[in-house]
Protein backbone atom coordinates (compact mmCIF):
# COMPACT_ATOMS: atom_id res chain seq x y z
CA MET A 1 -0.02 0.00 -0.01
CA ALA A 2 1.48 3.44 -0.94
CA ASP A 3 1.90 6.09 1.65
CA THR A 4 2.17 9.88 1.29
CA ALA A 5 3.21 12.24 4.08
CA GLU A 6 2.56 15.77 5.13
CA VAL A 7 5.15 18.04 6.39
CA ALA A 8 4.49 19.12 9.87
CA SER A 9 4.29 22.80 10.77
CA PRO A 10 6.81 23.66 13.50
CA PRO A 11 5.46 24.30 16.93
CA CYS A 12 6.73 27.23 18.95
CA ALA A 13 9.31 25.07 20.91
CA ALA A 14 9.68 21.14 20.28
CA ILE A 15 9.26 19.50 23.54
CA GLU A 16 11.79 16.68 24.69
CA ASP A 17 9.22 13.83 23.52
CA ASP A 18 8.96 15.43 19.99
CA TRP A 19 12.57 14.79 19.58
CA GLY A 20 12.58 11.28 20.97
CA PHE A 21 14.88 12.10 23.95
CA ALA A 22 12.62 10.45 26.69
CA LEU A 23 11.63 7.41 24.39
CA GLY A 24 13.26 3.99 24.07
CA LEU A 25 14.51 4.67 20.43
CA ASP A 26 11.89 2.53 18.93
CA LEU A 27 13.04 2.12 15.42
CA ALA A 28 11.47 2.03 11.90
CA VAL A 29 13.56 1.31 8.94
CA LEU A 30 13.16 2.86 5.42
CA VAL A 31 15.00 1.39 2.34
CA LEU A 32 15.84 4.12 0.04
CA ALA A 33 15.15 2.68 -3.36
CA GLY A 34 13.82 5.83 -5.32
CA GLY A 35 16.85 6.59 -7.36
CA GLU A 36 16.92 6.08 -11.12
CA GLY A 37 20.20 4.12 -11.06
CA LYS A 38 21.62 5.84 -14.22
CA ARG A 39 25.18 4.90 -13.67
CA MET A 40 23.97 1.14 -13.61
CA GLY A 41 21.86 1.64 -16.59
CA GLY A 42 18.56 2.02 -14.88
CA ALA A 43 16.31 -0.44 -12.60
CA LYS A 44 19.30 -0.59 -10.11
CA THR A 45 16.90 -2.36 -7.48
CA GLU A 46 16.30 -5.28 -9.80
CA ARG A 47 19.96 -6.03 -10.60
CA THR A 48 20.99 -9.47 -9.18
CA LEU A 49 23.88 -10.03 -6.83
CA GLY A 50 24.43 -13.65 -6.02
CA ARG A 51 21.18 -14.74 -7.88
CA ARG A 52 19.20 -12.13 -5.62
CA ARG A 53 18.08 -8.59 -6.35
CA LEU A 54 19.75 -5.67 -4.62
CA ILE A 55 16.54 -4.70 -3.23
CA ASP A 56 16.13 -8.20 -1.39
CA HIS A 57 19.64 -7.95 0.01
CA ALA A 58 18.64 -4.58 1.23
CA LEU A 59 15.48 -5.75 2.78
CA ASP A 60 17.48 -8.34 4.50
CA VAL A 61 19.67 -5.87 6.10
CA ALA A 62 16.62 -3.70 7.20
CA ARG A 63 14.81 -6.76 8.84
CA ARG A 64 18.15 -7.23 11.02
CA CYS A 65 17.75 -3.65 12.13
CA GLY A 66 14.05 -3.27 13.11
CA LYS A 67 10.68 -4.96 12.85
CA GLN A 68 8.86 -2.04 10.95
CA VAL A 69 10.26 -2.10 7.48
CA ALA A 70 9.05 0.07 4.43
CA ILE A 71 10.43 0.98 0.98
CA GLY A 72 11.06 4.48 -0.34
CA LEU A 73 10.13 5.10 -3.63
CA ARG A 74 9.26 7.76 -6.26
CA ALA A 75 6.16 5.78 -7.49
CA ALA A 76 4.71 2.62 -6.38
CA GLU A 77 5.12 1.15 -9.91
CA GLN A 78 8.86 1.76 -9.78
CA ILE A 79 9.70 -1.73 -8.34
CA SER A 80 8.37 -5.33 -8.89
CA ALA A 81 6.68 -7.53 -6.36
CA VAL A 82 8.09 -7.00 -2.70
CA ASP A 83 5.47 -8.90 -0.80
CA GLY A 84 4.82 -7.87 2.68
CA PHE A 85 6.51 -4.67 2.64
CA GLU A 86 4.79 -1.14 2.65
CA CYS A 87 5.93 1.37 -0.02
CA VAL A 88 6.27 4.89 1.08
CA ILE A 89 5.94 7.41 -1.72
CA ASP A 90 8.42 10.54 -2.05
CA GLN A 91 7.03 13.73 -0.53
CA PRO A 92 5.82 15.74 -3.53
CA GLY A 93 7.51 19.10 -4.28
CA ILE A 94 10.86 18.03 -2.82
CA GLU A 95 13.95 17.13 -5.00
CA GLY A 96 16.33 14.11 -4.35
CA PRO A 97 16.73 11.71 -1.54
CA LEU A 98 15.23 14.47 0.87
CA ALA A 99 11.80 13.67 -0.54
CA SER A 100 12.35 9.99 0.64
CA LEU A 101 13.44 11.10 3.98
CA VAL A 102 10.50 13.49 4.68
CA ALA A 103 7.92 10.95 3.67
CA GLY A 104 9.97 8.29 5.58
CA ILE A 105 10.00 10.25 8.97
CA ALA A 106 6.31 11.12 8.82
CA TRP A 107 5.61 7.29 8.24
CA ALA A 108 7.78 6.32 11.12
CA LYS A 109 6.18 8.86 13.42
CA ARG A 110 2.64 7.62 12.56
CA ARG A 111 3.91 4.03 13.38
CA GLY A 112 4.78 5.33 16.78
CA ALA A 113 8.66 4.99 16.10
CA SER A 114 10.83 7.55 17.76
CA CYS A 115 13.63 7.07 15.14
CA LEU A 116 13.99 6.35 11.60
CA LEU A 117 16.84 4.48 10.14
CA THR A 118 17.44 4.82 6.31
CA ILE A 119 19.56 2.37 4.40
CA PRO A 120 20.19 2.54 0.70
CA CYS A 121 19.13 -0.15 -1.61
CA ASP A 122 22.65 -0.54 -3.03
CA ALA A 123 24.84 -1.21 0.02
CA PRO A 124 24.57 -5.08 0.66
CA PHE A 125 27.36 -5.24 3.00
CA LEU A 126 26.40 -2.90 5.79
CA PRO A 127 27.54 -3.60 9.16
CA HIS A 128 25.46 -6.25 11.32
CA ASP A 129 25.79 -3.60 14.31
CA LEU A 130 24.60 -0.62 12.28
CA ALA A 131 21.40 -0.07 14.09
CA ARG A 132 22.94 -0.89 17.63
CA ARG A 133 25.79 1.53 17.22
CA LEU A 134 23.87 4.25 15.82
CA GLN A 135 21.12 4.11 18.48
CA ALA A 136 23.88 3.99 21.24
CA ARG A 137 25.70 7.14 19.58
CA LEU A 138 22.22 9.03 19.37
CA ALA A 139 21.39 8.32 23.00
CA THR A 140 24.74 9.65 24.26
CA SER A 141 24.86 12.65 21.99
CA ARG A 142 21.57 13.85 22.46
CA GLU A 143 21.60 15.16 18.71
CA ALA A 144 18.79 14.75 16.48
CA ILE A 145 20.65 12.55 13.80
CA VAL A 146 23.65 10.18 13.69
CA PHE A 147 25.75 9.71 10.35
CA PRO A 148 27.98 6.68 10.18
CA ALA A 149 31.35 7.26 8.72
CA SER A 150 34.11 5.18 7.11
CA TYR A 151 37.45 5.99 5.33
CA GLY A 152 36.99 9.59 6.44
CA ARG A 153 33.55 9.80 4.59
CA TRP A 154 30.09 10.41 5.97
CA HIS A 155 27.15 8.08 4.81
CA PRO A 156 23.97 10.30 5.15
CA SER A 157 21.87 7.64 3.35
CA SER A 158 22.72 5.04 6.09
CA ALA A 159 21.84 7.40 9.05
CA LEU A 160 19.56 7.34 11.99
CA TRP A 161 16.95 10.38 12.42
CA ARG A 162 14.77 11.35 15.21
CA VAL A 163 11.18 11.82 14.07
CA GLY A 164 11.33 15.37 15.70
CA VAL A 165 13.45 16.38 12.83
CA LEU A 166 9.99 16.73 11.10
CA TYR A 167 9.42 19.86 12.98
CA GLN A 168 12.54 21.49 11.77
CA LEU A 169 11.86 20.76 7.95
CA PRO A 170 9.67 23.80 7.10
CA HIS A 171 12.40 26.15 8.18
CA TYR A 172 14.99 24.16 6.53
CA LEU A 173 12.86 24.05 3.14
CA ALA A 174 12.48 27.75 3.18
CA GLY A 175 16.30 28.03 2.22
CA LYS A 176 17.81 26.77 -0.97
CA ARG A 177 19.56 23.67 0.08
CA ARG A 178 17.89 20.15 -0.30
CA SER A 179 20.54 17.73 0.68
CA LEU A 180 20.62 15.28 3.73
CA ILE A 181 23.70 16.66 4.82
CA GLY A 182 22.46 20.11 4.54
CA LEU A 183 19.42 19.19 6.72
CA ALA A 184 21.88 17.48 9.22
CA GLU A 185 23.86 20.59 9.48
CA HIS A 186 20.91 22.72 9.91
CA VAL A 187 19.58 20.56 12.71
CA GLY A 188 22.58 19.21 14.31
CA PHE A 189 24.23 15.75 14.13
CA ALA A 190 26.67 13.37 15.55
CA VAL A 191 29.13 10.85 13.76
CA GLU A 192 29.78 7.09 14.53
CA ASP A 193 32.95 6.23 12.86
CA TRP A 194 33.58 2.72 11.52
CA GLY A 195 37.44 3.80 10.90
CA ALA A 196 38.88 2.05 7.84
CA PRO A 197 38.15 -1.93 8.02
CA GLN A 198 39.76 -4.22 5.56
CA ARG A 199 36.63 -3.94 3.43
CA ASP A 200 34.36 -0.87 3.51
CA PRO A 201 30.89 -2.04 4.91
CA PHE A 202 29.40 1.08 3.39
CA PHE A 203 30.47 0.19 -0.27
CA ASN A 204 27.69 1.34 -2.67
CA VAL A 205 26.91 -0.61 -5.86
CA ASN A 206 26.46 2.32 -8.42
CA THR A 207 28.09 0.90 -11.56
CA PRO A 208 28.41 -2.50 -13.32
CA GLU A 209 32.02 -2.64 -12.06
CA ASP A 210 30.68 -2.12 -8.58
CA LEU A 211 28.31 -5.23 -9.19
CA ARG A 212 31.28 -7.33 -10.35
CA THR A 213 33.33 -6.20 -7.17
CA ALA A 214 30.29 -6.95 -4.95
CA GLU A 215 30.08 -10.39 -6.60
CA VAL A 216 33.68 -11.35 -5.48
CA TRP A 217 33.04 -9.86 -2.12
CA LEU A 218 29.84 -12.11 -1.68
CA THR A 219 32.18 -15.20 -2.01
CA GLN A 220 34.71 -13.73 0.78
CA PRO A 221 34.27 -13.66 4.43
CA HIS A 222 32.63 -10.84 5.89
CA PHE A 223 35.09 -8.39 7.18
CA GLU A 224 34.12 -6.12 10.13
């Protein structure tokens, strides 16, 4: 079932519960699958890795992270059968990944979650402790957002977001920036660093060459 969202109007002052500070960090997970995949030649989610689609690998990761899982799409017809998973359609009038995030946070809030974990559809090797470490960092930092990092790079598509970020969106959208990093800088964020492991768990499959690399990695031990 497709779902759309409304951007909340900001209250005069967001209370602690709005940010999720006083909650148990109940988690919802959104798989970001709305990109066109141009560098892959289109239909990235349907590309196979080890005889399974990239979207199926991503959903496996999502299920390890939380019980409430949905797929973020530009349009419901963008993807073939994914039985048992709700589709959350990008927020109209917003460009890029931010449209998926806005719709996803609103969906998570309606489901009673205090946080939304976003993961990309093209990162099949994400760390098994991703959700645990990001939640722990969020709890200790008291920031609104946590980005994972590796090899000196942030990974905003694999981030944890308090649902209270929704109240900050109208003010952010009044400006010119429309990036996930821009929103994080506007609201405030922390970073959880995975350092430089033997194999980058945040590796993205963006091109046919990346897909060949991922096929090789799939046959090797999981380095973390």
